[in-house]
Protein backbone atom coordinates (compact mmCIF):
# COMPACT_ATOMS: atom_id res chain seq x y z
CA MET A 1 10.37 -38.43 8.99
CA GLU A 2 11.46 -37.42 12.55
CA LYS A 3 9.76 -34.27 13.81
CA ALA A 4 11.58 -31.18 14.72
CA LEU A 5 10.75 -27.98 16.74
CA ALA A 6 12.26 -24.62 15.61
CA TYR A 7 12.93 -21.76 17.87
CA VAL A 8 13.50 -18.22 16.57
CA ARG A 9 14.02 -15.10 18.75
CA VAL A 10 15.09 -11.66 18.21
CA SER A 11 15.03 -8.56 20.53
CA THR A 12 13.75 -5.14 19.35
CA THR A 13 17.26 -3.54 19.54
CA GLU A 14 18.77 -6.34 17.51
CA GLN A 15 16.12 -5.93 14.86
CA ALA A 16 16.84 -2.16 14.50
CA ARG A 17 20.67 -2.63 14.67
CA GLU A 18 21.36 -5.74 12.68
CA GLY A 19 18.10 -6.33 10.57
CA VAL A 20 17.90 -9.85 12.12
CA SER A 21 14.41 -10.97 11.45
CA LEU A 22 12.33 -13.92 12.75
CA ASP A 23 11.35 -14.71 9.07
CA ALA A 24 15.00 -14.86 7.95
CA GLN A 25 15.79 -17.13 10.86
CA GLU A 26 12.79 -19.39 10.10
CA ASP A 27 13.80 -19.63 6.47
CA ARG A 28 17.24 -20.78 7.24
CA ILE A 29 15.95 -23.38 9.77
CA ARG A 30 13.29 -24.75 7.32
CA ALA A 31 15.96 -25.20 4.65
CA TYR A 32 18.22 -27.09 7.18
CA CYS A 33 15.31 -29.34 8.28
CA LYS A 34 14.40 -30.04 4.59
CA MET A 35 18.11 -31.02 3.93
CA SER A 36 18.24 -33.09 7.03
CA GLY A 37 14.97 -34.92 6.23
CA PHE A 38 13.20 -33.56 9.42
CA SER A 39 9.41 -32.67 9.42
CA LEU A 40 9.11 -29.23 11.13
CA ALA A 41 6.17 -29.78 13.35
CA THR A 42 6.28 -26.35 15.28
CA VAL A 43 7.96 -23.01 15.09
CA ILE A 44 8.13 -21.01 18.31
CA ARG A 45 8.75 -17.36 17.61
CA GLU A 46 9.79 -14.80 20.31
CA GLU A 47 10.10 -11.11 19.59
CA GLY A 48 11.50 -8.49 21.95
CA VAL A 49 12.59 -11.09 24.55
CA SER A 50 16.20 -10.95 25.73
CA ALA A 51 18.26 -14.10 25.94
CA ALA A 52 19.54 -12.86 29.19
CA LYS A 53 16.59 -14.54 30.60
CA LEU A 54 16.82 -18.18 31.27
CA LEU A 55 15.13 -20.27 28.66
CA ALA A 56 12.59 -21.68 31.21
CA ASN A 57 11.62 -18.13 32.16
CA ARG A 58 10.64 -17.09 28.62
CA PRO A 59 7.13 -17.80 27.24
CA GLY A 60 8.69 -19.61 24.25
CA GLY A 61 11.09 -21.53 26.53
CA GLN A 62 8.15 -22.78 28.41
CA GLN A 63 6.43 -23.87 25.16
CA ILE A 64 9.58 -25.92 24.27
CA THR A 65 9.60 -27.54 27.58
CA ASP A 66 5.82 -28.55 27.25
CA ILE A 67 6.34 -29.81 23.75
CA VAL A 68 9.45 -31.77 24.58
CA ALA A 69 7.55 -33.41 27.49
CA THR A 70 5.14 -34.82 25.20
CA LYS A 71 7.92 -36.54 23.12
CA HIS A 72 6.30 -35.53 19.83
CA VAL A 73 9.66 -34.11 18.53
CA ARG A 74 13.14 -35.53 18.35
CA HIS A 75 14.93 -32.30 17.45
CA VAL A 76 15.11 -28.70 18.56
CA VAL A 77 16.54 -26.45 15.85
CA ALA A 78 17.77 -22.81 16.18
CA LEU A 79 19.85 -20.62 13.92
CA LYS A 80 22.60 -19.87 16.50
CA LEU A 81 23.36 -20.57 20.17
CA ASP A 82 22.61 -17.07 21.33
CA ARG A 83 19.02 -17.46 20.00
CA LEU A 84 18.38 -19.94 22.73
CA PHE A 85 21.11 -19.31 25.50
CA ARG A 86 23.39 -16.72 26.86
CA ASP A 87 24.13 -18.58 30.12
CA ALA A 88 26.41 -21.56 29.91
CA VAL A 89 24.98 -23.41 32.87
CA ASP A 90 21.40 -23.00 31.39
CA ALA A 91 22.62 -24.27 28.00
CA LEU A 92 24.26 -27.34 29.44
CA ASN A 93 21.45 -28.15 31.93
CA GLN A 94 18.87 -27.87 29.10
CA THR A 95 20.71 -29.77 26.53
CA ARG A 96 21.58 -32.56 28.94
CA ALA A 97 17.88 -33.02 29.91
CA TRP A 98 16.95 -33.08 26.16
CA ASP A 99 19.77 -35.67 25.54
CA ARG A 100 18.27 -37.85 28.31
CA ALA A 101 14.88 -37.58 26.48
CA GLY A 102 16.57 -38.56 23.27
CA ILE A 103 16.13 -35.05 21.79
CA ALA A 104 19.03 -33.39 19.90
CA LEU A 105 19.73 -29.74 19.62
CA HIS A 106 20.72 -28.46 16.15
CA LEU A 107 22.39 -25.11 15.48
CA VAL A 108 22.32 -24.16 11.74
CA ASP A 109 25.00 -21.46 11.73
CA MET A 110 28.02 -21.90 13.96
CA GLY A 111 30.54 -19.68 12.03
CA GLY A 112 29.51 -21.29 8.77
CA GLN A 113 29.15 -24.79 10.19
CA THR A 114 26.31 -26.74 11.68
CA LEU A 115 26.35 -28.36 15.13
CA ASN A 116 24.00 -30.93 16.63
CA THR A 117 24.27 -32.66 20.05
CA ALA A 118 23.16 -36.15 18.77
CA THR A 119 26.99 -37.13 18.61
CA ALA A 120 29.64 -36.84 21.34
CA MET A 121 31.73 -34.53 19.36
CA GLY A 122 28.66 -32.21 18.88
CA ARG A 123 28.14 -32.16 22.72
CA MET A 124 31.75 -31.35 23.24
CA PHE A 125 31.67 -28.43 20.87
CA LEU A 126 28.42 -27.19 22.31
CA THR A 127 30.05 -27.13 25.83
CA MET A 128 32.93 -25.22 24.58
CA THR A 129 30.75 -22.86 22.47
CA ALA A 130 28.52 -22.14 25.55
CA ALA A 131 31.45 -21.34 27.83
CA PHE A 132 33.12 -18.95 25.20
CA ALA A 133 29.76 -17.32 24.67
CA GLU A 134 29.22 -16.57 28.35
CA LEU A 135 32.91 -15.37 28.60
CA GLU A 136 32.28 -12.84 25.74
CA ARG A 137 28.95 -11.64 27.38
CA ASN A 138 30.78 -11.13 30.72
CA LEU A 139 33.72 -9.28 29.07
CA ILE A 140 31.28 -6.97 27.31
CA ALA A 141 29.52 -6.30 30.66
CA GLU A 142 32.84 -5.52 32.37
CA ARG A 143 33.89 -3.18 29.60
CA THR A 144 30.55 -1.45 29.70
CA GLN A 145 30.79 -1.08 33.45
CA ALA A 146 34.40 0.25 33.24
CA ALA A 147 33.30 2.81 30.59
CA LEU A 148 30.34 3.88 32.67
CA LEU A 149 32.42 4.50 35.75
CA TYR A 150 35.01 6.38 33.83
CA LYS A 151 32.36 8.69 32.40
CA LYS A 152 30.77 9.16 35.87
CA SER A 153 34.22 10.04 37.45
CA LYS A 154 34.77 12.65 34.60
CA ARG A 155 31.23 14.05 34.76
CA LEU A 156 30.66 12.92 31.24
CA VAL A 157 27.13 12.24 29.83
CA TYR A 158 26.57 8.45 30.13
CA GLY A 159 22.81 8.12 29.68
CA ALA A 160 19.83 10.27 30.63
CA VAL A 161 20.82 13.37 32.14
CA PRO A 162 20.71 12.82 35.95
CA TYR A 163 19.02 15.06 38.66
CA GLY A 164 21.32 17.88 39.61
CA TYR A 165 23.01 18.31 36.29
CA SER A 166 22.31 19.74 32.85
CA ARG A 167 24.05 18.64 29.49
CA TYR A 168 26.64 20.95 27.97
CA GLY A 169 27.93 19.06 24.99
CA ASP A 170 29.29 15.68 26.25
CA ALA A 171 29.85 17.06 29.84
CA LEU A 172 27.50 17.27 32.73
CA LYS A 173 27.21 20.79 34.35
CA VAL A 174 25.98 21.13 37.91
CA ILE A 175 22.56 22.85 38.52
CA GLU A 176 23.16 24.49 41.92
CA MET A 177 19.40 24.69 42.85
CA GLU A 178 18.94 20.85 42.28
CA PHE A 179 22.15 20.19 44.14
CA ASP A 180 20.91 22.13 47.14
CA ARG A 181 17.92 19.71 47.29
CA ILE A 182 20.31 16.68 47.03
CA ARG A 183 22.22 18.07 49.93
CA GLN A 184 19.04 18.33 51.80
CA ILE A 185 18.09 14.90 50.99
CA GLN A 186 21.48 13.62 52.28
CA GLU A 187 21.12 15.77 55.58
CA TRP A 188 17.67 14.26 56.16
CA HIS A 189 19.02 10.72 55.57
CA ALA A 190 21.89 11.50 58.06
CA ARG A 191 19.30 12.42 60.64
CA GLY A 192 17.70 8.93 60.11
CA TRP A 193 14.79 9.91 58.21
CA PRO A 194 13.10 7.00 56.36
CA LEU A 195 13.10 7.22 52.55
CA ARG A 196 9.35 7.47 52.41
CA LYS A 197 9.44 10.49 54.88
CA ILE A 198 12.01 12.22 52.63
CA ALA A 199 9.90 11.59 49.57
CA ASP A 200 6.79 13.05 51.22
CA SER A 201 8.63 16.01 52.45
CA LEU A 202 9.88 16.91 48.83
CA ASN A 203 6.37 16.31 47.43
CA GLY A 204 4.89 18.54 50.35
CA ARG A 205 7.21 21.31 49.19
CA ARG A 206 6.14 20.81 45.55
CA VAL A 207 9.67 19.80 44.47
CA ARG A 208 9.51 17.65 41.39
CA THR A 209 12.05 15.11 40.03
CA LYS A 210 14.11 15.71 36.84
CA HIS A 211 11.00 14.71 34.69
CA GLY A 212 8.44 16.62 36.67
CA ARG A 213 7.18 13.70 38.60
CA ARG A 214 6.48 13.01 42.28
CA TRP A 215 9.20 11.61 44.42
CA HIS A 216 9.07 8.14 45.74
CA ALA A 217 11.15 6.13 48.15
CA SER A 218 12.92 4.40 45.26
CA THR A 219 13.83 7.76 43.76
CA VAL A 220 15.32 8.95 46.90
CA ARG A 221 17.26 5.66 47.33
CA TYR A 222 18.68 6.21 43.83
CA ILE A 223 19.87 9.78 44.78
CA LEU A 224 21.53 8.50 47.91
CA GLY A 225 23.22 5.55 46.31
CA ASN A 226 24.43 7.36 43.14
CA GLY A 227 28.25 8.18 43.19
CA LEU A 228 27.65 11.41 41.38
CA TYR A 229 26.15 12.85 44.59
CA LYS A 230 28.72 11.76 47.12
CA PRO A 231 29.26 14.65 49.60
């Protein structure tokens, strides 16, 4: 029997929102391997790891690379493409490298169908699927950014309440005392003060951030770069 490697991944937010579990993915993969006549040699599990990271930059992805290099497996099996990849270039580069090494990628659930790159047709569908998956991710990012910019422009709550504001229902209400400090920060910056000097001055005056913490250069940079605080 040819040996296979299984990869299962889930982020914490996905588990909470969708109930997708590592065990459920593994069960589906084990059933697929049994049906396909593969011996499942290794199961790599990653929890709380985003697929936004390139595969090689994840601990589990590095494990795949190390195991593939030994040539002890002939197949890499995952439930869906987005368990392994969210970036089309990464998907194609990795699967081409596996193909050259004689290793096929198998995706158990592609809209109710299976896909494997051992065939020319399978490689073509993978290329198309990876491209559309990245397109969907980019469209979601664009829509999210547009919604965020709209909320900022209308002074609506869009996340944690920022410095200078309090929450009033779904709207942001200006806190004049905090805005006076923001204007002071902007004035110091206009004079050419370094970010560190501004932070030290605020700390010296016992001014605290929104969460009662000390100021740092990075905190000052955020205030100066946030469109909510444009003069």
